C-alpha atoms as a PDB file:
ATOM      1  CA  UNK A   1      20.882  -7.692   3.336  1.00  0.00           C
ATOM      2  CA  UNK A   2      20.161  -4.736   5.614  1.00  0.00           C
ATOM      3  CA  UNK A   3      17.021  -2.937   4.408  1.00  0.00           C
ATOM      4  CA  UNK A   4      15.766   0.481   5.478  1.00  0.00           C
ATOM      5  CA  UNK A   5      11.967   0.317   5.203  1.00  0.00           C
ATOM      6  CA  UNK A   6      10.103   3.615   5.397  1.00  0.00           C
ATOM      7  CA  UNK A   7       6.525   3.413   6.610  1.00  0.00           C
ATOM      8  CA  UNK A   8       7.189   0.036   8.176  1.00  0.00           C
ATOM      9  CA  UNK A   9       4.436   0.430  10.788  1.00  0.00           C
ATOM     10  CA  UNK A  10       1.793   0.909   8.101  1.00  0.00           C
ATOM     11  CA  UNK A  11      -0.237  -1.691   6.262  1.00  0.00           C
ATOM     12  CA  UNK A  12       1.997  -2.720   3.354  1.00  0.00           C
ATOM     13  CA  UNK A  13       5.215  -1.638   5.048  1.00  0.00           C
ATOM     14  CA  UNK A  14       4.590  -3.852   8.059  1.00  0.00           C
ATOM     15  CA  UNK A  15       3.963  -6.848   5.776  1.00  0.00           C
ATOM     16  CA  UNK A  16       7.354  -6.182   4.186  1.00  0.00           C
ATOM     17  CA  UNK A  17       9.014  -5.886   7.597  1.00  0.00           C
ATOM     18  CA  UNK A  18       7.484  -9.112   8.880  1.00  0.00           C
ATOM     19  CA  UNK A  19       8.444 -11.093   5.777  1.00  0.00           C
ATOM     20  CA  UNK A  20      11.947  -9.632   5.492  1.00  0.00           C
ATOM     21  CA  UNK A  21      12.791 -10.464   9.108  1.00  0.00           C
ATOM     22  CA  UNK A  22      11.297 -13.947   8.721  1.00  0.00           C
ATOM     23  CA  UNK A  23      13.629 -14.494   5.757  1.00  0.00           C
ATOM     24  CA  UNK A  24      16.711 -13.448   7.697  1.00  0.00           C
ATOM     25  CA  UNK A  25      17.187  -9.868   6.487  1.00  0.00           C
ATOM     26  CA  UNK A  26      18.177  -7.080   8.836  1.00  0.00           C
ATOM     27  CA  UNK A  27      15.458  -4.437   8.863  1.00  0.00           C
ATOM     28  CA  UNK A  28      15.432  -0.842  10.020  1.00  0.00           C
ATOM     29  CA  UNK A  29      11.840   0.330  10.299  1.00  0.00           C
ATOM     30  CA  UNK A  30      11.600   4.117   9.875  1.00  0.00           C
ATOM     31  CA  UNK A  31       8.133   5.486  10.634  1.00  0.00           C
ATOM     32  CA  UNK A  32       6.744   8.799  11.873  1.00  0.00           C
ATOM     33  CA  UNK A  33       3.860   6.959  13.606  1.00  0.00           C
ATOM     34  CA  UNK A  34       1.108   9.127  12.159  1.00  0.00           C
ATOM     35  CA  UNK A  35      -2.589   8.221  12.452  1.00  0.00           C
ATOM     36  CA  UNK A  36      -2.500   5.094  10.237  1.00  0.00           C
ATOM     37  CA  UNK A  37       0.642   3.558  11.762  1.00  0.00           C
ATOM     38  CA  UNK A  38       0.555   0.865  14.415  1.00  0.00           C
ATOM     39  CA  UNK A  39       3.593  -0.773  16.003  1.00  0.00           C
ATOM     40  CA  UNK A  40       1.439  -3.772  16.911  1.00  0.00           C
ATOM     41  CA  UNK A  41       1.666  -4.617  13.194  1.00  0.00           C
ATOM     42  CA  UNK A  42       5.330  -5.542  13.651  1.00  0.00           C
ATOM     43  CA  UNK A  43       5.257  -6.803  17.235  1.00  0.00           C
ATOM     44  CA  UNK A  44       6.481 -10.273  16.296  1.00  0.00           C
ATOM     45  CA  UNK A  45       9.312  -8.982  14.103  1.00  0.00           C
ATOM     46  CA  UNK A  46      10.329  -6.527  16.819  1.00  0.00           C
ATOM     47  CA  UNK A  47      11.316  -9.449  19.050  1.00  0.00           C
ATOM     48  CA  UNK A  48      14.087 -10.366  16.615  1.00  0.00           C
ATOM     49  CA  UNK A  49      17.672  -9.122  16.858  1.00  0.00           C
ATOM     50  CA  UNK A  50      17.411  -8.430  13.117  1.00  0.00           C
ATOM     51  CA  UNK A  51      14.927  -5.602  13.732  1.00  0.00           C
ATOM     52  CA  UNK A  52      15.516  -1.956  14.650  1.00  0.00           C
ATOM     53  CA  UNK A  53      13.037   0.919  14.861  1.00  0.00           C
ATOM     54  CA  UNK A  54      13.571   4.621  14.205  1.00  0.00           C
ATOM     55  CA  UNK A  55      10.753   7.095  14.742  1.00  0.00           C
ATOM     56  CA  UNK A  56      11.367   9.841  12.211  1.00  0.00           C
ATOM     57  CA  UNK A  57       9.538  11.912   9.619  1.00  0.00           C
ATOM     58  CA  UNK A  58      10.698  11.445   6.023  1.00  0.00           C
ATOM     59  CA  UNK A  59      10.517  15.221   5.594  1.00  0.00           C
ATOM     60  CA  UNK A  60      13.177  15.672   8.324  1.00  0.00           C
ATOM     61  CA  UNK A  61      16.460  15.626   6.428  1.00  0.00           C
ATOM     62  CA  UNK A  62      18.661  15.756   9.531  1.00  0.00           C
ATOM     63  CA  UNK A  63      16.886  12.744  11.009  1.00  0.00           C
ATOM     64  CA  UNK A  64      17.228  10.850   7.733  1.00  0.00           C
ATOM     65  CA  UNK A  65      20.954  11.587   7.540  1.00  0.00           C
ATOM     66  CA  UNK A  66      21.373  10.282  11.075  1.00  0.00           C
ATOM     67  CA  UNK A  67      19.461   7.080  10.301  1.00  0.00           C
ATOM     68  CA  UNK A  68      21.525   6.389   7.171  1.00  0.00           C
ATOM     69  CA  UNK A  69      24.816   7.098   8.934  1.00  0.00           C
ATOM     70  CA  UNK A  70      23.878   4.984  11.956  1.00  0.00           C
ATOM     71  CA  UNK A  71      22.481   1.904  10.216  1.00  0.00           C
ATOM     72  CA  UNK A  72      24.267   1.907   6.845  1.00  0.00           C
ATOM     73  CA  UNK A  73      21.591   0.038   4.859  1.00  0.00           C
ATOM     74  CA  UNK A  74      22.268  -1.969   1.722  1.00  0.00           C
ATOM     75  CA  UNK A  75      18.907  -0.964   0.258  1.00  0.00           C
ATOM     76  CA  UNK A  76      15.977   1.358   0.835  1.00  0.00           C
ATOM     77  CA  UNK A  77      12.370   0.302   0.388  1.00  0.00           C
ATOM     78  CA  UNK A  78      10.403   3.537   0.376  1.00  0.00           C
ATOM     79  CA  UNK A  79       6.768   2.912   1.310  1.00  0.00           C
ATOM     80  CA  UNK A  80       6.028   5.841   3.645  1.00  0.00           C
ATOM     81  CA  UNK A  81       3.156   7.822   2.144  1.00  0.00           C
ATOM     82  CA  UNK A  82      -0.262   9.280   2.704  1.00  0.00           C
ATOM     83  CA  UNK A  83      -2.448   6.832   0.807  1.00  0.00           C
ATOM     84  CA  UNK A  84      -6.185   7.320   1.405  1.00  0.00           C
ATOM     85  CA  UNK A  85      -7.835   8.931  -1.629  1.00  0.00           C
ATOM     86  CA  UNK A  86     -10.778  10.269   0.391  1.00  0.00           C
ATOM     87  CA  UNK A  87      -8.447  12.040   2.811  1.00  0.00           C
ATOM     88  CA  UNK A  88      -6.524  13.519  -0.122  1.00  0.00           C
ATOM     89  CA  UNK A  89      -9.721  15.145  -1.352  1.00  0.00           C
ATOM     90  CA  UNK A  90     -10.353  16.794   2.032  1.00  0.00           C
ATOM     91  CA  UNK A  91      -6.719  17.670   2.807  1.00  0.00           C
ATOM     92  CA  UNK A  92      -4.404  17.548  -0.226  1.00  0.00           C
ATOM     93  CA  UNK A  93      -1.621  19.505   1.502  1.00  0.00           C
ATOM     94  CA  UNK A  94      -0.568  16.545   3.655  1.00  0.00           C
ATOM     95  CA  UNK A  95      -0.214  14.438   0.514  1.00  0.00           C
ATOM     96  CA  UNK A  96       1.953  17.010  -1.225  1.00  0.00           C
ATOM     97  CA  UNK A  97       4.157  17.386   1.843  1.00  0.00           C
ATOM     98  CA  UNK A  98       4.624  13.693   2.622  1.00  0.00           C
ATOM     99  CA  UNK A  99       4.506  12.056  -0.804  1.00  0.00           C
ATOM    100  CA  UNK A 100       6.414  14.688  -2.780  1.00  0.00           C
ATOM    101  CA  UNK A 101       8.555  16.629  -0.318  1.00  0.00           C
ATOM    102  CA  UNK A 102       9.159  13.512   1.778  1.00  0.00           C
ATOM    103  CA  UNK A 103      10.293  11.519  -1.251  1.00  0.00           C
ATOM    104  CA  UNK A 104      12.613  14.365  -2.270  1.00  0.00           C
ATOM    105  CA  UNK A 105      14.216  14.345   1.193  1.00  0.00           C
ATOM    106  CA  UNK A 106      14.569  10.551   1.079  1.00  0.00           C
ATOM    107  CA  UNK A 107      16.242  10.715  -2.321  1.00  0.00           C
ATOM    108  CA  UNK A 108      18.686  13.376  -1.199  1.00  0.00           C
ATOM    109  CA  UNK A 109      19.542  11.554   2.019  1.00  0.00           C
ATOM    110  CA  UNK A 110      20.030   8.314   0.090  1.00  0.00           C
ATOM    111  CA  UNK A 111      22.177  10.067  -2.529  1.00  0.00           C
ATOM    112  CA  UNK A 112      24.383  11.650   0.121  1.00  0.00           C
ATOM    113  CA  UNK A 113      24.853   8.307   1.879  1.00  0.00           C
ATOM    114  CA  UNK A 114      25.450   6.381  -1.375  1.00  0.00           C
ATOM    115  CA  UNK A 115      27.989   8.939  -2.604  1.00  0.00           C
ATOM    116  CA  UNK A 116      29.878   9.010   0.697  1.00  0.00           C
ATOM    117  CA  UNK A 117      30.052   5.197   0.642  1.00  0.00           C
ATOM    118  CA  UNK A 118      31.776   5.282  -2.761  1.00  0.00           C
ATOM    119  CA  UNK A 119      28.625   4.633  -4.823  1.00  0.00           C
ATOM    120  CA  UNK A 120      28.414   0.872  -4.209  1.00  0.00           C
ATOM    121  CA  UNK A 121      26.903  -0.945  -7.194  1.00  0.00           C
ATOM    122  CA  UNK A 122      24.769  -3.203  -5.018  1.00  0.00           C
ATOM    123  CA  UNK A 123      22.863  -0.333  -3.356  1.00  0.00           C
ATOM    124  CA  UNK A 124      19.231   0.073  -4.385  1.00  0.00           C
ATOM    125  CA  UNK A 125      16.558   2.699  -3.751  1.00  0.00           C
ATOM    126  CA  UNK A 126      13.255   0.879  -4.257  1.00  0.00           C
ATOM    127  CA  UNK A 127      10.320   3.256  -4.641  1.00  0.00           C
ATOM    128  CA  UNK A 128       6.922   1.648  -4.041  1.00  0.00           C
ATOM    129  CA  UNK A 129       4.006   3.319  -5.798  1.00  0.00           C
ATOM    130  CA  UNK A 130       0.477   2.690  -7.060  1.00  0.00           C
ATOM    131  CA  UNK A 131      -1.352   1.872 -10.286  1.00  0.00           C
ATOM    132  CA  UNK A 132      -3.546   4.922  -9.644  1.00  0.00           C
ATOM    133  CA  UNK A 133      -0.884   7.113 -11.279  1.00  0.00           C
ATOM    134  CA  UNK A 134      -2.081   5.756 -14.644  1.00  0.00           C
ATOM    135  CA  UNK A 135      -5.615   7.097 -14.293  1.00  0.00           C
ATOM    136  CA  UNK A 136      -8.783   5.247 -15.266  1.00  0.00           C
ATOM    137  CA  UNK A 137      -9.391   2.401 -17.727  1.00  0.00           C
ATOM    138  CA  UNK A 138     -12.413   1.566 -19.889  1.00  0.00           C
ATOM    139  CA  UNK A 139     -14.464  -1.554 -19.181  1.00  0.00           C
ATOM    140  CA  UNK A 140     -12.760  -3.531 -21.981  1.00  0.00           C
ATOM    141  CA  UNK A 141     -10.905  -6.391 -20.194  1.00  0.00           C
ATOM    142  CA  UNK A 142      -8.262  -6.411 -22.931  1.00  0.00           C
ATOM    143  CA  UNK A 143      -7.114  -2.921 -21.902  1.00  0.00           C
ATOM    144  CA  UNK A 144      -4.733  -2.958 -18.918  1.00  0.00           C
ATOM    145  CA  UNK A 145      -2.012  -0.841 -17.361  1.00  0.00           C
ATOM    146  CA  UNK A 146       1.526  -1.647 -18.479  1.00  0.00           C
ATOM    147  CA  UNK A 147       4.780  -0.058 -17.385  1.00  0.00           C
ATOM    148  CA  UNK A 148       4.597   2.074 -20.543  1.00  0.00           C
ATOM    149  CA  UNK A 149       1.104   3.448 -19.872  1.00  0.00           C
ATOM    150  CA  UNK A 150       1.102   7.240 -19.816  1.00  0.00           C
ATOM    151  CA  UNK A 151       0.538   8.837 -16.421  1.00  0.00           C
ATOM    152  CA  UNK A 152      -2.919  10.395 -15.972  1.00  0.00           C
ATOM    153  CA  UNK A 153      -3.583  10.830 -12.226  1.00  0.00           C
ATOM    154  CA  UNK A 154      -7.088  11.972 -11.248  1.00  0.00           C
ATOM    155  CA  UNK A 155      -6.950  12.587  -7.475  1.00  0.00           C
ATOM    156  CA  UNK A 156      -4.648  14.576  -5.180  1.00  0.00           C
ATOM    157  CA  UNK A 157      -3.354  11.238  -3.872  1.00  0.00           C
ATOM    158  CA  UNK A 158      -2.510   9.751  -7.264  1.00  0.00           C
ATOM    159  CA  UNK A 159      -1.071  13.060  -8.481  1.00  0.00           C
ATOM    160  CA  UNK A 160       1.262  13.205  -5.482  1.00  0.00           C
ATOM    161  CA  UNK A 161       2.386   9.620  -6.086  1.00  0.00           C
ATOM    162  CA  UNK A 162       2.920  10.329  -9.785  1.00  0.00           C
ATOM    163  CA  UNK A 163       5.098  13.283  -8.822  1.00  0.00           C
ATOM    164  CA  UNK A 164       7.146  11.114  -6.482  1.00  0.00           C
ATOM    165  CA  UNK A 165       7.642   8.529  -9.246  1.00  0.00           C
ATOM    166  CA  UNK A 166       8.965  11.263 -11.536  1.00  0.00           C
ATOM    167  CA  UNK A 167      11.357  12.485  -8.846  1.00  0.00           C
ATOM    168  CA  UNK A 168      12.808   8.999  -8.412  1.00  0.00           C
ATOM    169  CA  UNK A 169      13.384   8.619 -12.146  1.00  0.00           C
ATOM    170  CA  UNK A 170      14.930  12.094 -12.308  1.00  0.00           C
ATOM    171  CA  UNK A 171      17.403  11.271  -9.524  1.00  0.00           C
ATOM    172  CA  UNK A 172      18.368   8.118 -11.411  1.00  0.00           C
ATOM    173  CA  UNK A 173      18.935   9.977 -14.676  1.00  0.00           C
ATOM    174  CA  UNK A 174      20.547  13.106 -13.244  1.00  0.00           C
ATOM    175  CA  UNK A 175      22.621  11.715 -10.397  1.00  0.00           C
ATOM    176  CA  UNK A 176      22.936   8.035 -11.298  1.00  0.00           C
ATOM    177  CA  UNK A 177      21.181   6.903  -8.123  1.00  0.00           C
ATOM    178  CA  UNK A 178      20.469   3.158  -8.521  1.00  0.00           C
ATOM    179  CA  UNK A 179      16.693   2.822  -8.365  1.00  0.00           C
ATOM    180  CA  UNK A 180      13.915   0.346  -9.040  1.00  0.00           C
ATOM    181  CA  UNK A 181      10.216   1.198  -9.033  1.00  0.00           C
ATOM    182  CA  UNK A 182       7.021  -0.784  -8.533  1.00  0.00           C
ATOM    183  CA  UNK A 183       3.386   0.189  -9.039  1.00  0.00           C
ATOM    184  CA  UNK A 184       0.825  -2.051  -7.363  1.00  0.00           C
ATOM    185  CA  UNK A 185      -2.905  -2.646  -7.516  1.00  0.00           C
ATOM    186  CA  UNK A 186      -5.258  -2.434  -4.515  1.00  0.00           C
ATOM    187  CA  UNK A 187      -3.910  -4.286  -1.487  1.00  0.00           C
ATOM    188  CA  UNK A 188      -5.944  -6.040   1.179  1.00  0.00           C
ATOM    189  CA  UNK A 189      -5.342  -8.467   4.026  1.00  0.00           C
ATOM    190  CA  UNK A 190      -4.397  -8.571   7.739  1.00  0.00           C
ATOM    191  CA  UNK A 191      -3.619  -5.272   9.498  1.00  0.00           C
ATOM    192  CA  UNK A 192      -5.468  -3.201   6.874  1.00  0.00           C
ATOM    193  CA  UNK A 193      -6.247   0.127   8.541  1.00  0.00           C
ATOM    194  CA  UNK A 194     -10.011   0.329   9.249  1.00  0.00           C
ATOM    195  CA  UNK A 195     -10.816   3.274   6.977  1.00  0.00           C
ATOM    196  CA  UNK A 196     -10.370   1.378   3.691  1.00  0.00           C
ATOM    197  CA  UNK A 197     -13.194  -0.430   1.868  1.00  0.00           C
ATOM    198  CA  UNK A 198     -12.656  -4.051   2.927  1.00  0.00           C
ATOM    199  CA  UNK A 199     -12.155  -3.468   6.676  1.00  0.00           C
ATOM    200  CA  UNK A 200     -14.975  -0.883   6.669  1.00  0.00           C
ATOM    201  CA  UNK A 201     -17.343  -3.483   5.222  1.00  0.00           C
ATOM    202  CA  UNK A 202     -16.263  -6.209   7.650  1.00  0.00           C
ATOM    203  CA  UNK A 203     -16.465  -4.025  10.752  1.00  0.00           C
ATOM    204  CA  UNK A 204     -19.682  -2.251   9.764  1.00  0.00           C
ATOM    205  CA  UNK A 205     -21.287  -5.620   9.059  1.00  0.00           C
ATOM    206  CA  UNK A 206     -20.349  -6.912  12.504  1.00  0.00           C
ATOM    207  CA  UNK A 207     -21.663  -3.719  14.107  1.00  0.00           C
ATOM    208  CA  UNK A 208     -24.986  -3.891  12.270  1.00  0.00           C
ATOM    209  CA  UNK A 209     -24.249  -0.688  10.363  1.00  0.00           C
ATOM    210  CA  UNK A 210     -24.851   0.113   6.673  1.00  0.00           C
ATOM    211  CA  UNK A 211     -22.249  -1.173   4.214  1.00  0.00           C
ATOM    212  CA  UNK A 212     -21.538   1.912   2.087  1.00  0.00           C
ATOM    213  CA  UNK A 213     -20.843   1.453  -1.630  1.00  0.00           C
ATOM    214  CA  UNK A 214     -19.950   4.503  -3.680  1.00  0.00           C
ATOM    215  CA  UNK A 215     -22.158   5.207  -6.693  1.00  0.00           C
ATOM    216  CA  UNK A 216     -23.610   2.042  -8.211  1.00  0.00           C
ATOM    217  CA  UNK A 217     -20.706  -0.207  -7.169  1.00  0.00           C
ATOM    218  CA  UNK A 218     -19.521  -0.775 -10.739  1.00  0.00           C
ATOM    219  CA  UNK A 219     -15.993   0.580 -10.175  1.00  0.00           C
ATOM    220  CA  UNK A 220     -13.510  -2.235 -10.808  1.00  0.00           C
ATOM    221  CA  UNK A 221     -10.235  -2.870  -8.983  1.00  0.00           C
ATOM    222  CA  UNK A 222      -7.542  -5.550  -9.193  1.00  0.00           C
ATOM    223  CA  UNK A 223      -7.096  -6.962  -5.676  1.00  0.00           C
ATOM    224  CA  UNK A 224      -3.649  -8.010  -4.426  1.00  0.00           C
ATOM    225  CA  UNK A 225      -3.199  -9.888  -1.140  1.00  0.00           C
ATOM    226  CA  UNK A 226      -0.735  -7.879   0.927  1.00  0.00           C
ATOM    227  CA  UNK A 227       1.546 -10.812   1.763  1.00  0.00           C
ATOM    228  CA  UNK A 228       1.848 -11.631  -1.935  1.00  0.00           C
ATOM    229  CA  UNK A 229       2.772  -7.995  -2.521  1.00  0.00           C
ATOM    230  CA  UNK A 230       5.472  -8.111   0.171  1.00  0.00           C
ATOM    231  CA  UNK A 231       6.931 -11.202  -1.485  1.00  0.00           C
ATOM    232  CA  UNK A 232       7.061  -9.417  -4.850  1.00  0.00           C
ATOM    233  CA  UNK A 233       8.654  -6.306  -3.356  1.00  0.00           C
ATOM    234  CA  UNK A 234      11.461  -8.270  -1.718  1.00  0.00           C
ATOM    235  CA  UNK A 235      12.083 -10.026  -5.021  1.00  0.00           C
ATOM    236  CA  UNK A 236      12.290  -6.728  -6.925  1.00  0.00           C
ATOM    237  CA  UNK A 237      14.656  -5.051  -4.476  1.00  0.00           C
ATOM    238  CA  UNK A 238      17.029  -8.011  -4.760  1.00  0.00           C
ATOM    239  CA  UNK A 239      16.618  -9.112  -8.395  1.00  0.00           C
ATOM    240  CA  UNK A 240      14.974  -6.206 -10.243  1.00  0.00           C
ATOM    241  CA  UNK A 241      16.939  -4.636 -13.095  1.00  0.00           C
ATOM    242  CA  UNK A 242      18.512  -1.285 -12.331  1.00  0.00           C
ATOM    243  CA  UNK A 243      16.279   1.581 -13.419  1.00  0.00           C
ATOM    244  CA  UNK A 244      13.443  -0.819 -14.248  1.00  0.00           C
ATOM    245  CA  UNK A 245       9.791  -0.398 -13.302  1.00  0.00           C
ATOM    246  CA  UNK A 246       7.523  -3.348 -12.465  1.00  0.00           C
ATOM    247  CA  UNK A 247       3.736  -3.430 -12.194  1.00  0.00           C
ATOM    248  CA  UNK A 248       2.498  -5.788  -9.466  1.00  0.00           C
ATOM    249  CA  UNK A 249      -1.077  -7.044  -9.706  1.00  0.00           C
ATOM    250  CA  UNK A 250      -3.211  -9.689  -8.083  1.00  0.00           C
ATOM    251  CA  UNK A 251      -4.844 -10.894 -11.318  1.00  0.00           C
ATOM    252  CA  UNK A 252      -8.141 -10.604  -9.434  1.00  0.00           C
ATOM    253  CA  UNK A 253     -10.450  -7.964 -10.940  1.00  0.00           C
ATOM    254  CA  UNK A 254     -13.737  -7.408  -9.137  1.00  0.00           C
ATOM    255  CA  UNK A 255     -16.297  -4.635  -9.050  1.00  0.00           C
ATOM    256  CA  UNK A 256     -16.803  -3.008  -5.674  1.00  0.00           C
ATOM    257  CA  UNK A 257     -20.315  -4.465  -5.497  1.00  0.00           C
ATOM    258  CA  UNK A 258     -19.070  -7.982  -6.277  1.00  0.00           C
ATOM    259  CA  UNK A 259     -16.356  -7.601  -3.656  1.00  0.00           C
ATOM    260  CA  UNK A 260     -18.778  -6.490  -0.937  1.00  0.00           C
ATOM    261  CA  UNK A 261     -21.235  -9.254  -1.786  1.00  0.00           C
ATOM    262  CA  UNK A 262     -18.430 -11.807  -1.480  1.00  0.00           C
ATOM    263  CA  UNK A 263     -17.470 -10.424   1.934  1.00  0.00           C
ATOM    264  CA  UNK A 264     -21.097 -10.659   3.030  1.00  0.00           C
ATOM    265  CA  UNK A 265     -21.295 -14.302   1.945  1.00  0.00           C
ATOM    266  CA  UNK A 266     -18.131 -15.143   3.893  1.00  0.00           C
ATOM    267  CA  UNK A 267     -19.468 -13.398   6.984  1.00  0.00           C
ATOM    268  CA  UNK A 268     -22.808 -15.193   6.609  1.00  0.00           C
ATOM    269  CA  UNK A 269     -20.893 -18.459   7.018  1.00  0.00           C
ATOM    270  CA  UNK A 270     -18.364 -17.435   9.657  1.00  0.00           C
ATOM    271  CA  UNK A 271     -20.456 -15.108  11.857  1.00  0.00           C
ATOM    272  CA  UNK A 272     -24.173 -15.427  10.969  1.00  0.00           C
ATOM    273  CA  UNK A 273     -26.486 -12.576  11.906  1.00  0.00           C
ATOM    274  CA  UNK A 274     -28.673 -13.243  14.934  1.00  0.00           C
ATOM    275  CA  UNK A 275     -31.829 -12.717  12.842  1.00  0.00           C
ATOM    276  CA  UNK A 276     -30.720 -15.259  10.250  1.00  0.00           C
ATOM    277  CA  UNK A 277     -30.680 -12.714   7.431  1.00  0.00           C
ATOM    278  CA  UNK A 278     -27.747 -12.032   5.126  1.00  0.00           C
ATOM    279  CA  UNK A 279     -25.316  -9.192   5.664  1.00  0.00           C
ATOM    280  CA  UNK A 280     -26.143  -8.225   2.069  1.00  0.00           C
ATOM    281  CA  UNK A 281     -29.285  -6.597   3.478  1.00  0.00           C
ATOM    282  CA  UNK A 282     -27.000  -3.948   5.024  1.00  0.00           C
ATOM    283  CA  UNK A 283     -25.599  -2.835   1.638  1.00  0.00           C
ATOM    284  CA  UNK A 284     -26.300   0.852   1.040  1.00  0.00           C
ATOM    285  CA  UNK A 285     -25.429   2.880  -2.046  1.00  0.00           C
ATOM    286  CA  UNK A 286     -24.070   6.338  -1.216  1.00  0.00           C
ATOM    287  CA  UNK A 287     -23.077   9.404  -3.221  1.00  0.00           C
ATOM    288  CA  UNK A 288     -19.963   8.710  -5.260  1.00  0.00           C
ATOM    289  CA  UNK A 289     -16.724  10.523  -4.465  1.00  0.00           C
ATOM    290  CA  UNK A 290     -15.411  13.174  -6.875  1.00  0.00           C
ATOM    291  CA  UNK A 291     -13.210  11.884  -9.697  1.00  0.00           C
ATOM    292  CA  UNK A 292     -13.782   8.215  -8.854  1.00  0.00           C
ATOM    293  CA  UNK A 293     -11.768   6.169 -11.394  1.00  0.00           C
ATOM    294  CA  UNK A 294     -13.888   3.574 -13.204  1.00  0.00           C
ATOM    295  CA  UNK A 295     -11.417   0.706 -13.476  1.00  0.00           C
ATOM    296  CA  UNK A 296      -7.853  -0.317 -12.644  1.00  0.00           C
ATOM    297  CA  UNK A 297      -6.255  -3.439 -14.095  1.00  0.00           C
ATOM    298  CA  UNK A 298      -2.600  -4.444 -14.301  1.00  0.00           C
ATOM    299  CA  UNK A 299      -0.805  -6.392 -16.995  1.00  0.00           C
ATOM    300  CA  UNK A 300       1.780  -8.267 -14.872  1.00  0.00           C
ATOM    301  CA  UNK A 301       3.729  -9.681 -17.824  1.00  0.00           C
ATOM    302  CA  UNK A 302       7.025  -7.955 -17.032  1.00  0.00           C
ATOM    303  CA  UNK A 303       7.435  -9.140 -13.451  1.00  0.00           C
ATOM    304  CA  UNK A 304       6.201 -12.606 -14.449  1.00  0.00           C
ATOM    305  CA  UNK A 305       8.486 -12.964 -17.467  1.00  0.00           C
ATOM    306  CA  UNK A 306      11.610 -11.271 -16.072  1.00  0.00           C
ATOM    307  CA  UNK A 307      11.494 -12.288 -12.399  1.00  0.00           C
ATOM    308  CA  UNK A 308       9.190 -15.314 -12.429  1.00  0.00           C
ATOM    309  CA  UNK A 309       6.689 -13.853  -9.962  1.00  0.00           C
ATOM    310  CA  UNK A 310       2.951 -14.450  -9.838  1.00  0.00           C
ATOM    311  CA  UNK A 311       0.441 -13.970  -7.021  1.00  0.00           C
ATOM    312  CA  UNK A 312      -0.262 -17.084  -5.004  1.00  0.00           C
ATOM    313  CA  UNK A 313      -3.571 -16.104  -3.389  1.00  0.00           C
ATOM    314  CA  UNK A 314      -6.904 -15.808  -5.233  1.00  0.00           C
ATOM    315  CA  UNK A 315      -9.251 -13.059  -4.111  1.00  0.00           C
ATOM    316  CA  UNK A 316     -11.691 -15.631  -2.701  1.00  0.00           C
ATOM    317  CA  UNK A 317      -8.940 -17.248  -0.595  1.00  0.00           C
ATOM    318  CA  UNK A 318      -7.546 -13.890   0.458  1.00  0.00           C
ATOM    319  CA  UNK A 319     -10.906 -12.447   1.477  1.00  0.00           C
ATOM    320  CA  UNK A 320     -11.681 -15.511   3.587  1.00  0.00           C
ATOM    321  CA  UNK A 321      -8.310 -15.205   5.342  1.00  0.00           C
ATOM    322  CA  UNK A 322      -8.887 -11.488   5.842  1.00  0.00           C
ATOM    323  CA  UNK A 323     -12.350 -11.869   7.337  1.00  0.00           C
ATOM    324  CA  UNK A 324     -11.084 -14.563   9.700  1.00  0.00           C
ATOM    325  CA  UNK A 325      -8.178 -12.340  10.747  1.00  0.00           C
ATOM    326  CA  UNK A 326     -10.536  -9.498  11.707  1.00  0.00           C
ATOM    327  CA  UNK A 327     -12.780 -11.911  13.608  1.00  0.00           C
ATOM    328  CA  UNK A 328      -9.741 -13.178  15.525  1.00  0.00           C
ATOM    329  CA  UNK A 329      -8.141  -9.763  16.193  1.00  0.00           C
ATOM    330  CA  UNK A 330     -10.855  -7.547  17.621  1.00  0.00           C
ATOM    331  CA  UNK A 331      -8.490  -5.936  20.135  1.00  0.00           C
ATOM    332  CA  UNK A 332      -6.294  -4.681  17.272  1.00  0.00           C
ATOM    333  CA  UNK A 333      -9.024  -2.955  15.272  1.00  0.00           C
ATOM    334  CA  UNK A 334     -11.000  -1.615  18.220  1.00  0.00           C
ATOM    335  CA  UNK A 335      -7.912   0.276  19.384  1.00  0.00           C
ATOM    336  CA  UNK A 336      -7.749   2.059  16.003  1.00  0.00           C
ATOM    337  CA  UNK A 337     -11.392   3.007  15.577  1.00  0.00           C
ATOM    338  CA  UNK A 338     -11.130   6.088  17.790  1.00  0.00           C
ATOM    339  CA  UNK A 339      -8.396   7.667  15.677  1.00  0.00           C
ATOM    340  CA  UNK A 340      -9.018  10.852  13.713  1.00  0.00           C
ATOM    341  CA  UNK A 341     -11.581  10.450  10.941  1.00  0.00           C
ATOM    342  CA  UNK A 342     -11.918   6.664  11.200  1.00  0.00           C
ATOM    343  CA  UNK A 343     -15.522   5.651  10.579  1.00  0.00           C
ATOM    344  CA  UNK A 344     -16.507   9.041   9.161  1.00  0.00           C
ATOM    345  CA  UNK A 345     -17.441   9.741   5.552  1.00  0.00           C
ATOM    346  CA  UNK A 346     -14.515  11.568   3.990  1.00  0.00           C
ATOM    347  CA  UNK A 347     -13.738  12.856   0.520  1.00  0.00           C
ATOM    348  CA  UNK A 348     -17.109  14.255  -0.500  1.00  0.00           C
ATOM    349  CA  UNK A 349     -15.469  17.357  -1.949  1.00  0.00           C
ATOM    350  CA  UNK A 350     -17.608  19.694   0.123  1.00  0.00           C
END
């Protein structure tokens, strides 16, 4: 299969690219190389004859038409998006432009290509989204997001992703474009851009800086190891039912405070502080961000029952792998720390 992956130099996109090439798929990586992209993420895959790279913006329709006509993909995996909630609070316009307008341009370019090719039945447009479109859950562990949960986005980021989901479904209903959709829980793992919670905690701990936790740390997330997510995405694009939506979760709910304490314990073992104290002493509670959702949790029954997929990595295993990866790859993360906004407090709403 030849797959056009948008955002393939980003965190999740690069995991998809690496795994797809390793499994023998041809991959065209389309990425605008904005602040969170890094071609080092796909350096190994780029050595393969199965890999091609196109630097293009998903809002540029002419560039998209050229990429489709040149490479003639069998499927699209659309991951390119602005994804940092804090940045969406400070600058929502970029999220509207990329996540909504960009998805519209991708859909139209894909529809033009698919129509010109005679509407092949095997073609798929796989839209990758987030569980944040569903809003916030109560603390009751029996209440979880399903594919039928009503949309209730609370941030500019989640609202822009919800809008893109609706566009994809509209193009399927109106034009017959063959689509599949997935909504995932919080990802973590190697190559995670160092403005998100887990890499911030790891790198601040190593630098002797405070470990910031929003509010009282009680916000709960379901954590999904990024390589597990890539595996699920490749399964859905190949085996997912046409027009179907699948929620992908890690089955690993943790509060932010529990998560940070676990990271500190791992670091205490792998890279002890010179003074012999625990990294937990660096934990600092900071003012919460506006509209901070209390809890996300995914019911993964559909993808488990219909496609036989379950995550293979527990959060404890995944966090240990992630910490070790950052310890072993200092050159990668140091090169990214000088980029715009990295290391600064964003999303205060001021």
